Every structure is written in structure tokens, then in C-alpha cells.
Amino acid sequence: MSKSVLGIDVAKKKLDVCLMFDSKVLMKKFDNGTKGFKLLLGWLASLKIAQVHACLEATGPYGEAVTEFLYEHGHRVSVVNPLRIKKYAESDLKRNKTDTADARTIAEFCRVKDPKEWHPLPAEVKQLQALTRRVEVLDRLVASEQNRLDVAPEAIRPSLKRVIKDLKKEIDNVQRLIKDHIDNYPDLRRQSELLQSIPGIGEKTARLLLGEIEFSSFESARALAAYAGVTPKKSQSGTSLDWTRLSKLGSGRIRKALYFPAIVAVQYNIVVKLFARRLSENGKTPMQVVGAAMRKLLHIAFGVIKHNRPFDPNSAFSA
């Protein structure tokens, strides 16, 4: 092996790691916290390993701290879609599914595939992401309490109404924080204005996209669409199987954010409207048209941000 790789299987309280270097494979466990991270660094130093290529799955908040810690201490880090790891394991006919086995699979994947290196979001984008995701959580809580209210006994309805009222008040508070945050950063404010110049994309969608996407990190609109999972996936076999749908291999938050804006854009955005009409005339189903409209909106969003110009249906980047 020409490099040292570290596969990390992340849990809430612990990290199972697999280190591959030279011809050795070493397994170890560490606490998922600052103390454990420092012990991990000490272990690597004791083995005279100055830098590893660490790899872990993008499975939620439990891996964020160790990712940032390793990056800040000079190690290469990759955060990979769990589906890629799963497909790699299946292709290698792996049968065991344990934390230790998973760490080894991740290390092998890292060694063979050399995944793209992770870089932290700018501080202002990371804060915006935290705020928009907080609104998402609060919205789910409101919906949950509202569902309970619809069937609740009379005795608990006042309690449910108070909770719903308080949750909605907190959503308003966080929305104000988001607005103030964007206003405090000229680049974010300008990008928000550019996105909202696109018919179909309103203030809420613009905020979420800016919190989930660092537009400058993508080389092309196609790469951004792949990241969001709105690229088409075609399956064909003989005459019995032939369909096309969204790949859904990327960010579910972005796809969810684009769904209703795409429906609006099909009606009121002339570029998307004409595009959708052509697809319909070519026999695409309504859902295929909406999926393609989502992708088109994201391409347009990439264009207005890249060129720093509001939406213009006659511009090449909007076509």
C-alpha cells in the first residue's frame, strides 16, 4: 500500500477504526469525543504515521466532530455517501455486518476508490445551515403536534394548542435569526437576491439552498445536480424493463426544497415551462417532468450564482 488509510465507523459514543498501512491492518476503538480524538492522534503518532486518508460515511451529526478534528490536524478526510460503501461491500460479497467489519470495509473502499477530499464549509454557511435545519426540526414538531390535535381527547387539546403556539413562535424567532444572519454577510445577501430572481424560488427556498450548497465548490451545474441527486437514472433490460427516474443518490434536503418550487416554475418560469412542455410532448410522465424541472431550476441557480447576474430567460446560462 502506498498510503495510510483509516476507515471510521461512527456511532453516538464510540468510533471503530481500521488502519491500513504498509502491509498491516490494525483495528481499534475510541470514544467519540475530544478525549478519544486525542488518543487516536496519539495512536497514529506512536506508529510514526504523519498523515492518513480518513474516510467515514455521511450518516448525520455524530461524525462531524471527528471529521473537523482530523482535518484541522492535517489529515485528509473524505465523507462518503453510505450507499457507495454499501454497494462496494455488496460487490465484494461481504457477509458480516458489524461495527468492526464496517470500519474495515470503509478503509478498503478508501484505499481502492480514493474518494474526494472533504473541506469544511465557511463559518457563515455552516451557521446558516444550522439555523435552516433547526427550522426543519421545528416544522416537523409542529406537524406532529397538529396531527395529535386532530384526534386528541378534549382534556389535552389546550396543552397541544399551547405547544403548537410556542413552536410557531420559535420558528418565527429562528427565521428572524436567519434573515439577520444573511443580512450581515454581503455575499450571502447577494446570493439570496440572485436566487430569488428565479421564478419559482422564494425566500425560504433560497435560504435553504444557501445553507446546504457551497456553490463555489462545484465545477459545473451537472456536478451540482449529481450532488443533489436530481440527475436521471435509467434502467433498461430487454423489453420488460425501461424507465427513468431521479437517481436520489445525493442530498434529500435539496430535493425536498426543490419539489414545490419546480411545480411553481413549470407554471410561471418561462424557461422551465417551455422545457417541461417539450418533455410532456415527448411522452414523459408528470413526475418525470417535475424531476427534470427540479434539475433545471438547480442548473439555473448555479448559473445566476456563478455569473453573479439575476435570472434572465434570454441568457445562455438560463437556457
C-alpha atoms as a PDB file:
ATOM      1  CA  MET A   1       0.000   0.000   0.000  1.00  0.00           C
ATOM      2  CA  SER A   2       1.363   3.414  -0.936  1.00  0.00           C
ATOM      3  CA  LYS A   3      -0.594   5.377   1.634  1.00  0.00           C
ATOM      4  CA  SER A   4      -2.116   5.018   5.075  1.00  0.00           C
ATOM      5  CA  VAL A   5      -5.908   4.878   5.195  1.00  0.00           C
ATOM      6  CA  LEU A   6      -8.210   4.989   8.181  1.00  0.00           C
ATOM      7  CA  GLY A   7     -11.744   3.661   7.960  1.00  0.00           C
ATOM      8  CA  ILE A   8     -14.037   5.027  10.687  1.00  0.00           C
ATOM      9  CA  ASP A   9     -17.389   3.553  11.624  1.00  0.00           C
ATOM     10  CA  VAL A  10     -19.160   6.214  13.663  1.00  0.00           C
ATOM     11  CA  ALA A  11     -21.631   5.662  16.488  1.00  0.00           C
ATOM     12  CA  LYS A  12     -23.007   8.122  19.014  1.00  0.00           C
ATOM     13  CA  LYS A  13     -20.496   7.276  21.741  1.00  0.00           C
ATOM     14  CA  LYS A  14     -17.673   5.410  20.018  1.00  0.00           C
ATOM     15  CA  LEU A  15     -15.564   5.117  16.904  1.00  0.00           C
ATOM     16  CA  ASP A  16     -14.486   1.799  15.436  1.00  0.00           C
ATOM     17  CA  VAL A  17     -11.428   2.388  13.272  1.00  0.00           C
ATOM     18  CA  CYS A  18      -9.436   0.285  10.854  1.00  0.00           C
ATOM     19  CA  LEU A  19      -5.939   1.454   9.940  1.00  0.00           C
ATOM     20  CA  MET A  20      -4.242   0.099   6.826  1.00  0.00           C
ATOM     21  CA  PHE A  21      -0.587   0.936   6.196  1.00  0.00           C
ATOM     22  CA  ASP A  22       2.308  -0.921   4.587  1.00  0.00           C
ATOM     23  CA  SER A  23       1.010  -4.496   4.780  1.00  0.00           C
ATOM     24  CA  LYS A  24      -0.650  -4.114   8.158  1.00  0.00           C
ATOM     25  CA  VAL A  25      -4.293  -3.919   9.195  1.00  0.00           C
ATOM     26  CA  LEU A  26      -4.964  -2.687  12.734  1.00  0.00           C
ATOM     27  CA  MET A  27      -8.323  -2.342  14.496  1.00  0.00           C
ATOM     28  CA  LYS A  28      -9.053  -0.066  17.438  1.00  0.00           C
ATOM     29  CA  LYS A  29     -11.920   1.626  19.330  1.00  0.00           C
ATOM     30  CA  PHE A  30     -12.044   5.188  20.644  1.00  0.00           C
ATOM     31  CA  ASP A  31     -14.599   7.336  22.420  1.00  0.00           C
ATOM     32  CA  ASN A  32     -16.465   9.691  20.095  1.00  0.00           C
ATOM     33  CA  GLY A  33     -15.320  12.857  21.837  1.00  0.00           C
ATOM     34  CA  THR A  34     -12.312  15.148  22.193  1.00  0.00           C
ATOM     35  CA  LYS A  35     -10.514  12.755  24.554  1.00  0.00           C
ATOM     36  CA  GLY A  36     -10.956   9.892  22.132  1.00  0.00           C
ATOM     37  CA  PHE A  37      -9.817  12.018  19.193  1.00  0.00           C
ATOM     38  CA  LYS A  38      -6.599  12.920  21.005  1.00  0.00           C
ATOM     39  CA  LEU A  39      -5.976   9.259  21.814  1.00  0.00           C
ATOM     40  CA  LEU A  40      -6.496   8.455  18.120  1.00  0.00           C
ATOM     41  CA  LEU A  41      -3.862  11.045  17.158  1.00  0.00           C
ATOM     42  CA  GLY A  42      -1.503   9.636  19.784  1.00  0.00           C
ATOM     43  CA  TRP A  43      -2.006   6.124  18.411  1.00  0.00           C
ATOM     44  CA  LEU A  44      -1.158   7.281  14.893  1.00  0.00           C
ATOM     45  CA  ALA A  45       1.924   9.121  16.171  1.00  0.00           C
ATOM     46  CA  SER A  46       3.096   6.010  18.028  1.00  0.00           C
ATOM     47  CA  LEU A  47       3.012   4.181  14.693  1.00  0.00           C
ATOM     48  CA  LYS A  48       5.013   7.014  13.086  1.00  0.00           C
ATOM     49  CA  ILE A  49       2.146   7.893  10.738  1.00  0.00           C
ATOM     50  CA  ALA A  50       2.176  11.618   9.993  1.00  0.00           C
ATOM     51  CA  GLN A  51      -0.888  11.676   7.765  1.00  0.00           C
ATOM     52  CA  VAL A  52      -3.751   9.318   6.968  1.00  0.00           C
ATOM     53  CA  HIS A  53      -6.555   9.451   4.475  1.00  0.00           C
ATOM     54  CA  ALA A  54      -9.502   9.031   6.822  1.00  0.00           C
ATOM     55  CA  CYS A  55     -12.877   8.009   5.454  1.00  0.00           C
ATOM     56  CA  LEU A  56     -16.297   7.824   7.067  1.00  0.00           C
ATOM     57  CA  GLU A  57     -19.923   7.700   5.999  1.00  0.00           C
ATOM     58  CA  ALA A  58     -22.134  10.773   5.856  1.00  0.00           C
ATOM     59  CA  THR A  59     -24.647   9.466   8.374  1.00  0.00           C
ATOM     60  CA  GLY A  60     -25.544  12.507  10.451  1.00  0.00           C
ATOM     61  CA  PRO A  61     -24.138  14.732  13.198  1.00  0.00           C
ATOM     62  CA  TYR A  62     -22.174  12.077  15.118  1.00  0.00           C
ATOM     63  CA  GLY A  63     -19.290  12.166  12.656  1.00  0.00           C
ATOM     64  CA  GLU A  64     -18.967  15.923  12.309  1.00  0.00           C
ATOM     65  CA  ALA A  65     -16.642  16.498  15.276  1.00  0.00           C
ATOM     66  CA  VAL A  66     -14.087  13.820  14.371  1.00  0.00           C
ATOM     67  CA  THR A  67     -14.169  14.941  10.733  1.00  0.00           C
ATOM     68  CA  GLU A  68     -13.294  18.517  11.661  1.00  0.00           C
ATOM     69  CA  PHE A  69     -10.730  17.400  14.262  1.00  0.00           C
ATOM     70  CA  LEU A  70      -8.782  15.245  11.805  1.00  0.00           C
ATOM     71  CA  TYR A  71      -8.936  17.919   9.106  1.00  0.00           C
ATOM     72  CA  GLU A  72      -7.664  20.594  11.497  1.00  0.00           C
ATOM     73  CA  HIS A  73      -4.743  18.338  12.427  1.00  0.00           C
ATOM     74  CA  GLY A  74      -3.562  17.963   8.843  1.00  0.00           C
ATOM     75  CA  HIS A  75      -5.137  14.683   7.792  1.00  0.00           C
ATOM     76  CA  ARG A  76      -7.023  14.071   4.566  1.00  0.00           C
ATOM     77  CA  VAL A  77     -10.679  13.316   5.220  1.00  0.00           C
ATOM     78  CA  SER A  78     -13.436  12.001   2.950  1.00  0.00           C
ATOM     79  CA  VAL A  79     -17.115  11.908   3.874  1.00  0.00           C
ATOM     80  CA  VAL A  80     -18.868   9.417   1.610  1.00  0.00           C
ATOM     81  CA  ASN A  81     -22.479   8.652   0.759  1.00  0.00           C
ATOM     82  CA  PRO A  82     -23.314   5.448   2.718  1.00  0.00           C
ATOM     83  CA  LEU A  83     -24.834   3.929  -0.412  1.00  0.00           C
ATOM     84  CA  ARG A  84     -21.400   3.917  -2.079  1.00  0.00           C
ATOM     85  CA  ILE A  85     -19.961   1.945   0.834  1.00  0.00           C
ATOM     86  CA  LYS A  86     -22.921  -0.446   0.785  1.00  0.00           C
ATOM     87  CA  LYS A  87     -22.594  -1.099  -2.945  1.00  0.00           C
ATOM     88  CA  TYR A  88     -18.845  -1.598  -2.585  1.00  0.00           C
ATOM     89  CA  ALA A  89     -19.399  -4.157   0.189  1.00  0.00           C
ATOM     90  CA  GLU A  90     -22.009  -5.968  -1.908  1.00  0.00           C
ATOM     91  CA  SER A  91     -19.712  -6.048  -4.931  1.00  0.00           C
ATOM     92  CA  ASP A  92     -17.038  -7.696  -2.770  1.00  0.00           C
ATOM     93  CA  LEU A  93     -19.564 -10.248  -1.430  1.00  0.00           C
ATOM     94  CA  LYS A  94     -19.033  -9.184   2.159  1.00  0.00           C
ATOM     95  CA  ARG A  95     -21.362 -11.002   4.544  1.00  0.00           C
ATOM     96  CA  ASN A  96     -20.520  -9.678   8.010  1.00  0.00           C
ATOM     97  CA  LYS A  97     -22.284  -6.544   9.262  1.00  0.00           C
ATOM     98  CA  THR A  98     -20.603  -5.420  12.484  1.00  0.00           C
ATOM     99  CA  ASP A  99     -19.028  -2.124  13.509  1.00  0.00           C
ATOM    100  CA  THR A 100     -15.548  -3.630  13.160  1.00  0.00           C
ATOM    101  CA  ALA A 101     -16.336  -5.154   9.776  1.00  0.00           C
ATOM    102  CA  ASP A 102     -17.847  -1.871   8.619  1.00  0.00           C
ATOM    103  CA  ALA A 103     -14.716   0.061   9.605  1.00  0.00           C
ATOM    104  CA  ARG A 104     -12.600  -2.347   7.576  1.00  0.00           C
ATOM    105  CA  THR A 105     -14.917  -2.086   4.579  1.00  0.00           C
ATOM    106  CA  ILE A 106     -14.713   1.717   4.734  1.00  0.00           C
ATOM    107  CA  ALA A 107     -10.899   1.549   4.897  1.00  0.00           C
ATOM    108  CA  GLU A 108     -10.773  -0.801   1.907  1.00  0.00           C
ATOM    109  CA  PHE A 109     -13.130   1.454  -0.023  1.00  0.00           C
ATOM    110  CA  CYS A 110     -10.910   4.449   0.758  1.00  0.00           C
ATOM    111  CA  ARG A 111      -7.771   2.605  -0.376  1.00  0.00           C
ATOM    112  CA  VAL A 112      -9.302   1.371  -3.628  1.00  0.00           C
ATOM    113  CA  LYS A 113     -11.540   4.302  -4.630  1.00  0.00           C
ATOM    114  CA  ASP A 114      -9.547   7.263  -3.238  1.00  0.00           C
ATOM    115  CA  PRO A 115     -12.716   9.345  -2.653  1.00  0.00           C
ATOM    116  CA  LYS A 116     -12.842  13.109  -2.984  1.00  0.00           C
ATOM    117  CA  GLU A 117     -11.358  15.079  -0.112  1.00  0.00           C
ATOM    118  CA  TRP A 118     -13.724  16.841   2.292  1.00  0.00           C
ATOM    119  CA  HIS A 119     -13.361  20.540   3.133  1.00  0.00           C
ATOM    120  CA  PRO A 120     -15.273  22.376   5.862  1.00  0.00           C
ATOM    121  CA  LEU A 121     -17.976  24.843   4.992  1.00  0.00           C
ATOM    122  CA  PRO A 122     -17.204  28.526   5.558  1.00  0.00           C
ATOM    123  CA  ALA A 123     -18.262  29.542   9.064  1.00  0.00           C
ATOM    124  CA  GLU A 124     -21.132  31.745   7.853  1.00  0.00           C
ATOM    125  CA  VAL A 125     -22.536  28.949   5.661  1.00  0.00           C
ATOM    126  CA  LYS A 126     -22.230  26.410   8.444  1.00  0.00           C
ATOM    127  CA  GLN A 127     -24.159  28.707  10.798  1.00  0.00           C
ATOM    128  CA  LEU A 128     -26.837  29.289   8.172  1.00  0.00           C
ATOM    129  CA  GLN A 129     -27.124  25.537   7.680  1.00  0.00           C
ATOM    130  CA  ALA A 130     -27.594  25.005  11.411  1.00  0.00           C
ATOM    131  CA  LEU A 131     -30.335  27.636  11.529  1.00  0.00           C
ATOM    132  CA  THR A 132     -32.241  26.330   8.488  1.00  0.00           C
ATOM    133  CA  ARG A 133     -32.042  22.779   9.768  1.00  0.00           C
ATOM    134  CA  ARG A 134     -33.372  23.969  13.120  1.00  0.00           C
ATOM    135  CA  VAL A 135     -36.433  25.355  11.359  1.00  0.00           C
ATOM    136  CA  GLU A 136     -36.843  21.989   9.652  1.00  0.00           C
ATOM    137  CA  VAL A 137     -36.900  20.221  13.035  1.00  0.00           C
ATOM    138  CA  LEU A 138     -39.387  22.705  14.482  1.00  0.00           C
ATOM    139  CA  ASP A 139     -41.646  22.340  11.440  1.00  0.00           C
ATOM    140  CA  ARG A 140     -41.721  18.569  11.976  1.00  0.00           C
ATOM    141  CA  LEU A 141     -42.631  19.067  15.632  1.00  0.00           C
ATOM    142  CA  VAL A 142     -45.494  21.376  14.697  1.00  0.00           C
ATOM    143  CA  ALA A 143     -46.804  18.863  12.171  1.00  0.00           C
ATOM    144  CA  SER A 144     -46.566  16.070  14.735  1.00  0.00           C
ATOM    145  CA  GLU A 145     -48.443  18.038  17.396  1.00  0.00           C
ATOM    146  CA  GLN A 146     -51.015  19.161  14.840  1.00  0.00           C
ATOM    147  CA  ASN A 147     -51.672  15.538  13.903  1.00  0.00           C
ATOM    148  CA  ARG A 148     -52.205  14.720  17.581  1.00  0.00           C
ATOM    149  CA  LEU A 149     -54.541  17.673  17.951  1.00  0.00           C
ATOM    150  CA  ASP A 150     -56.746  16.407  15.129  1.00  0.00           C
ATOM    151  CA  VAL A 151     -57.632  13.257  17.093  1.00  0.00           C
ATOM    152  CA  ALA A 152     -56.900  14.288  20.681  1.00  0.00           C
ATOM    153  CA  PRO A 153     -59.338  13.958  23.595  1.00  0.00           C
ATOM    154  CA  GLU A 154     -60.730  17.277  24.769  1.00  0.00           C
ATOM    155  CA  ALA A 155     -58.723  17.091  28.016  1.00  0.00           C
ATOM    156  CA  ILE A 156     -55.346  17.519  26.286  1.00  0.00           C
ATOM    157  CA  ARG A 157     -56.304  19.801  23.410  1.00  0.00           C
ATOM    158  CA  PRO A 158     -55.456  23.028  25.322  1.00  0.00           C
ATOM    159  CA  SER A 159     -51.980  21.653  26.068  1.00  0.00           C
ATOM    160  CA  LEU A 160     -51.408  20.735  22.435  1.00  0.00           C
ATOM    161  CA  LYS A 161     -52.557  24.167  21.278  1.00  0.00           C
ATOM    162  CA  ARG A 162     -50.139  25.889  23.670  1.00  0.00           C
ATOM    163  CA  VAL A 163     -47.238  23.757  22.447  1.00  0.00           C
ATOM    164  CA  ILE A 164     -48.097  24.428  18.802  1.00  0.00           C
ATOM    165  CA  LYS A 165     -48.331  28.154  19.503  1.00  0.00           C
ATOM    166  CA  ASP A 166     -44.947  28.148  21.266  1.00  0.00           C
ATOM    167  CA  LEU A 167     -43.329  26.130  18.467  1.00  0.00           C
ATOM    168  CA  LYS A 168     -44.623  28.510  15.813  1.00  0.00           C
ATOM    169  CA  LYS A 169     -43.319  31.428  17.850  1.00  0.00           C
ATOM    170  CA  GLU A 170     -39.894  29.794  17.996  1.00  0.00           C
ATOM    171  CA  ILE A 171     -39.959  29.187  14.239  1.00  0.00           C
ATOM    172  CA  ASP A 172     -40.569  32.913  13.753  1.00  0.00           C
ATOM    173  CA  ASN A 173     -37.637  33.668  16.087  1.00  0.00           C
ATOM    174  CA  VAL A 174     -35.265  31.400  14.149  1.00  0.00           C
ATOM    175  CA  GLN A 175     -36.474  32.802  10.827  1.00  0.00           C
ATOM    176  CA  ARG A 176     -35.571  36.282  12.087  1.00  0.00           C
ATOM    177  CA  LEU A 177     -32.140  34.994  13.065  1.00  0.00           C
ATOM    178  CA  ILE A 178     -31.707  33.604   9.552  1.00  0.00           C
ATOM    179  CA  LYS A 179     -32.696  36.924   7.972  1.00  0.00           C
ATOM    180  CA  ASP A 180     -30.327  38.866  10.224  1.00  0.00           C
ATOM    181  CA  HIS A 181     -27.529  36.376   9.549  1.00  0.00           C
ATOM    182  CA  ILE A 182     -27.888  36.682   5.772  1.00  0.00           C
ATOM    183  CA  ASP A 183     -28.096  40.479   6.003  1.00  0.00           C
ATOM    184  CA  ASN A 184     -24.832  40.527   7.984  1.00  0.00           C
ATOM    185  CA  TYR A 185     -22.911  38.814   5.163  1.00  0.00           C
ATOM    186  CA  PRO A 186     -22.948  40.720   1.844  1.00  0.00           C
ATOM    187  CA  ASP A 187     -22.074  37.629  -0.221  1.00  0.00           C
ATOM    188  CA  LEU A 188     -24.925  35.614   1.276  1.00  0.00           C
ATOM    189  CA  ARG A 189     -27.322  38.526   0.861  1.00  0.00           C
ATOM    190  CA  ARG A 190     -26.339  38.960  -2.790  1.00  0.00           C
ATOM    191  CA  GLN A 191     -26.657  35.242  -3.487  1.00  0.00           C
ATOM    192  CA  SER A 192     -30.068  35.153  -1.811  1.00  0.00           C
ATOM    193  CA  GLU A 193     -31.232  38.023  -4.024  1.00  0.00           C
ATOM    194  CA  LEU A 194     -29.903  36.270  -7.129  1.00  0.00           C
ATOM    195  CA  LEU A 195     -31.683  33.024  -6.294  1.00  0.00           C
ATOM    196  CA  GLN A 196     -34.954  34.832  -5.576  1.00  0.00           C
ATOM    197  CA  SER A 197     -34.776  36.454  -9.011  1.00  0.00           C
ATOM    198  CA  ILE A 198     -35.579  32.998 -10.436  1.00  0.00           C
ATOM    199  CA  PRO A 199     -39.356  32.486 -10.801  1.00  0.00           C
ATOM    200  CA  GLY A 200     -40.231  29.546  -8.592  1.00  0.00           C
ATOM    201  CA  ILE A 201     -37.588  30.171  -5.931  1.00  0.00           C
ATOM    202  CA  GLY A 202     -38.735  32.211  -2.952  1.00  0.00           C
ATOM    203  CA  GLU A 203     -37.001  33.449   0.174  1.00  0.00           C
ATOM    204  CA  LYS A 204     -37.408  30.210   2.141  1.00  0.00           C
ATOM    205  CA  THR A 205     -36.006  28.041  -0.666  1.00  0.00           C
ATOM    206  CA  ALA A 206     -33.137  30.454  -1.282  1.00  0.00           C
ATOM    207  CA  ARG A 207     -32.149  30.312   2.386  1.00  0.00           C
ATOM    208  CA  LEU A 208     -32.192  26.531   2.463  1.00  0.00           C
ATOM    209  CA  LEU A 209     -30.173  26.196  -0.761  1.00  0.00           C
ATOM    210  CA  LEU A 210     -27.531  28.596   0.539  1.00  0.00           C
ATOM    211  CA  GLY A 211     -27.320  26.609   3.779  1.00  0.00           C
ATOM    212  CA  GLU A 212     -26.946  23.268   2.002  1.00  0.00           C
ATOM    213  CA  ILE A 213     -24.846  24.198  -1.044  1.00  0.00           C
ATOM    214  CA  GLU A 214     -21.486  25.906  -1.309  1.00  0.00           C
ATOM    215  CA  PHE A 215     -21.933  26.826  -4.966  1.00  0.00           C
ATOM    216  CA  SER A 216     -18.288  27.793  -5.496  1.00  0.00           C
ATOM    217  CA  SER A 217     -17.139  24.251  -4.673  1.00  0.00           C
ATOM    218  CA  PHE A 218     -18.820  22.802  -7.786  1.00  0.00           C
ATOM    219  CA  GLU A 219     -17.149  22.948 -11.180  1.00  0.00           C
ATOM    220  CA  SER A 220     -20.378  22.643 -13.146  1.00  0.00           C
ATOM    221  CA  ALA A 221     -24.152  22.627 -12.878  1.00  0.00           C
ATOM    222  CA  ARG A 222     -24.058  18.944 -13.779  1.00  0.00           C
ATOM    223  CA  ALA A 223     -21.844  18.202 -10.768  1.00  0.00           C
ATOM    224  CA  LEU A 224     -24.214  20.138  -8.509  1.00  0.00           C
ATOM    225  CA  ALA A 225     -27.215  18.234  -9.881  1.00  0.00           C
ATOM    226  CA  ALA A 226     -25.449  14.945  -9.180  1.00  0.00           C
ATOM    227  CA  TYR A 227     -24.710  16.082  -5.623  1.00  0.00           C
ATOM    228  CA  ALA A 228     -28.388  16.861  -5.125  1.00  0.00           C
ATOM    229  CA  GLY A 229     -29.490  13.535  -6.615  1.00  0.00           C
ATOM    230  CA  VAL A 230     -31.658  15.116  -9.324  1.00  0.00           C
ATOM    231  CA  THR A 231     -29.828  13.548 -12.265  1.00  0.00           C
ATOM    232  CA  PRO A 232     -31.761  10.913 -14.226  1.00  0.00           C
ATOM    233  CA  LYS A 233     -31.214   7.225 -13.628  1.00  0.00           C
ATOM    234  CA  LYS A 234     -32.242   4.934 -16.463  1.00  0.00           C
ATOM    235  CA  SER A 235     -32.953   1.224 -16.072  1.00  0.00           C
ATOM    236  CA  GLN A 236     -33.404  -0.926 -19.147  1.00  0.00           C
ATOM    237  CA  SER A 237     -33.377  -4.662 -19.647  1.00  0.00           C
ATOM    238  CA  GLY A 238     -34.892  -6.323 -22.673  1.00  0.00           C
ATOM    239  CA  THR A 239     -38.460  -5.243 -23.336  1.00  0.00           C
ATOM    240  CA  SER A 240     -39.893  -5.724 -19.850  1.00  0.00           C
ATOM    241  CA  LEU A 241     -37.936  -3.004 -18.006  1.00  0.00           C
ATOM    242  CA  ASP A 242     -37.458   0.510 -19.303  1.00  0.00           C
ATOM    243  CA  TRP A 243     -37.872   3.500 -17.005  1.00  0.00           C
ATOM    244  CA  THR A 244     -36.116   6.694 -15.972  1.00  0.00           C
ATOM    245  CA  ARG A 245     -36.320   8.362 -12.566  1.00  0.00           C
ATOM    246  CA  LEU A 246     -34.262  10.584 -10.267  1.00  0.00           C
ATOM    247  CA  SER A 247     -31.079   8.938  -9.005  1.00  0.00           C
ATOM    248  CA  LYS A 248     -31.768  10.166  -5.428  1.00  0.00           C
ATOM    249  CA  LEU A 249     -28.136   9.474  -4.540  1.00  0.00           C
ATOM    250  CA  GLY A 250     -27.457  12.903  -3.074  1.00  0.00           C
ATOM    251  CA  SER A 251     -28.928  15.384  -0.641  1.00  0.00           C
ATOM    252  CA  GLY A 252     -32.553  14.655   0.221  1.00  0.00           C
ATOM    253  CA  ARG A 253     -32.895  18.105   1.786  1.00  0.00           C
ATOM    254  CA  ILE A 254     -32.136  19.799  -1.523  1.00  0.00           C
ATOM    255  CA  ARG A 255     -34.568  17.595  -3.431  1.00  0.00           C
ATOM    256  CA  LYS A 256     -37.298  18.274  -0.883  1.00  0.00           C
ATOM    257  CA  ALA A 257     -36.613  22.009  -1.081  1.00  0.00           C
ATOM    258  CA  LEU A 258     -36.874  22.000  -4.884  1.00  0.00           C
ATOM    259  CA  TYR A 259     -40.044  19.924  -5.304  1.00  0.00           C
ATOM    260  CA  PHE A 260     -42.741  22.583  -4.848  1.00  0.00           C
ATOM    261  CA  PRO A 261     -40.640  25.374  -6.428  1.00  0.00           C
ATOM    262  CA  ALA A 262     -40.330  23.150  -9.511  1.00  0.00           C
ATOM    263  CA  ILE A 263     -44.107  22.773  -9.696  1.00  0.00           C
ATOM    264  CA  VAL A 264     -44.455  26.568  -9.480  1.00  0.00           C
ATOM    265  CA  ALA A 265     -41.691  27.073 -12.050  1.00  0.00           C
ATOM    266  CA  VAL A 266     -43.445  24.801 -14.547  1.00  0.00           C
ATOM    267  CA  GLN A 267     -46.331  27.286 -14.435  1.00  0.00           C
ATOM    268  CA  TYR A 268     -44.581  30.654 -14.128  1.00  0.00           C
ATOM    269  CA  ASN A 269     -40.911  30.355 -15.180  1.00  0.00           C
ATOM    270  CA  ILE A 270     -40.856  30.660 -18.968  1.00  0.00           C
ATOM    271  CA  VAL A 271     -37.602  28.702 -19.346  1.00  0.00           C
ATOM    272  CA  VAL A 272     -38.771  25.812 -17.176  1.00  0.00           C
ATOM    273  CA  LYS A 273     -42.280  25.987 -18.636  1.00  0.00           C
ATOM    274  CA  LEU A 274     -41.070  25.523 -22.227  1.00  0.00           C
ATOM    275  CA  PHE A 275     -38.657  22.821 -21.116  1.00  0.00           C
ATOM    276  CA  ALA A 276     -41.427  20.948 -19.306  1.00  0.00           C
ATOM    277  CA  ARG A 277     -43.755  21.290 -22.309  1.00  0.00           C
ATOM    278  CA  ARG A 278     -41.191  19.662 -24.607  1.00  0.00           C
ATOM    279  CA  LEU A 279     -40.764  16.786 -22.179  1.00  0.00           C
ATOM    280  CA  SER A 280     -44.518  16.265 -21.919  1.00  0.00           C
ATOM    281  CA  GLU A 281     -44.860  16.266 -25.708  1.00  0.00           C
ATOM    282  CA  ASN A 282     -42.128  13.619 -25.835  1.00  0.00           C
ATOM    283  CA  GLY A 283     -44.157  11.332 -23.599  1.00  0.00           C
ATOM    284  CA  LYS A 284     -42.611  11.951 -20.192  1.00  0.00           C
ATOM    285  CA  THR A 285     -44.843  11.323 -17.177  1.00  0.00           C
ATOM    286  CA  PRO A 286     -45.877  14.211 -14.888  1.00  0.00           C
ATOM    287  CA  MET A 287     -43.455  13.052 -12.173  1.00  0.00           C
ATOM    288  CA  GLN A 288     -40.602  12.775 -14.680  1.00  0.00           C
ATOM    289  CA  VAL A 289     -41.372  16.315 -15.794  1.00  0.00           C
ATOM    290  CA  VAL A 290     -41.286  17.609 -12.211  1.00  0.00           C
ATOM    291  CA  GLY A 291     -37.976  15.821 -11.583  1.00  0.00           C
ATOM    292  CA  ALA A 292     -36.496  17.356 -14.713  1.00  0.00           C
ATOM    293  CA  ALA A 293     -37.837  20.776 -13.673  1.00  0.00           C
ATOM    294  CA  MET A 294     -36.074  20.397 -10.315  1.00  0.00           C
ATOM    295  CA  ARG A 295     -32.839  19.713 -12.157  1.00  0.00           C
ATOM    296  CA  LYS A 296     -33.411  22.657 -14.491  1.00  0.00           C
ATOM    297  CA  LEU A 297     -34.015  25.004 -11.561  1.00  0.00           C
ATOM    298  CA  LEU A 298     -30.770  23.884  -9.952  1.00  0.00           C
ATOM    299  CA  HIS A 299     -28.882  24.469 -13.221  1.00  0.00           C
ATOM    300  CA  ILE A 300     -30.336  27.972 -13.410  1.00  0.00           C
ATOM    301  CA  ALA A 301     -29.462  28.615  -9.750  1.00  0.00           C
ATOM    302  CA  PHE A 302     -25.866  27.565 -10.444  1.00  0.00           C
ATOM    303  CA  GLY A 303     -25.782  29.920 -13.424  1.00  0.00           C
ATOM    304  CA  VAL A 304     -27.014  33.037 -11.649  1.00  0.00           C
ATOM    305  CA  ILE A 305     -24.596  32.483  -8.761  1.00  0.00           C
ATOM    306  CA  LYS A 306     -21.612  31.694 -10.994  1.00  0.00           C
ATOM    307  CA  HIS A 307     -22.181  34.695 -13.267  1.00  0.00           C
ATOM    308  CA  ASN A 308     -23.369  36.985 -10.445  1.00  0.00           C
ATOM    309  CA  ARG A 309     -26.333  38.080 -12.529  1.00  0.00           C
ATOM    310  CA  PRO A 310     -30.092  37.917 -11.860  1.00  0.00           C
ATOM    311  CA  PHE A 311     -32.231  35.494 -13.797  1.00  0.00           C
ATOM    312  CA  ASP A 312     -32.744  36.437 -17.434  1.00  0.00           C
ATOM    313  CA  PRO A 313     -34.657  33.995 -19.636  1.00  0.00           C
ATOM    314  CA  ASN A 314     -32.613  35.145 -22.633  1.00  0.00           C
ATOM    315  CA  SER A 315     -29.228  34.428 -21.037  1.00  0.00           C
ATOM    316  CA  ALA A 316     -27.283  31.384 -22.145  1.00  0.00           C
ATOM    317  CA  PHE A 317     -26.840  30.122 -18.581  1.00  0.00           C
ATOM    318  CA  SER A 318     -30.612  30.132 -18.083  1.00  0.00           C
ATOM    319  CA  ALA A 319     -31.407  28.206 -21.242  1.00  0.00           C
END
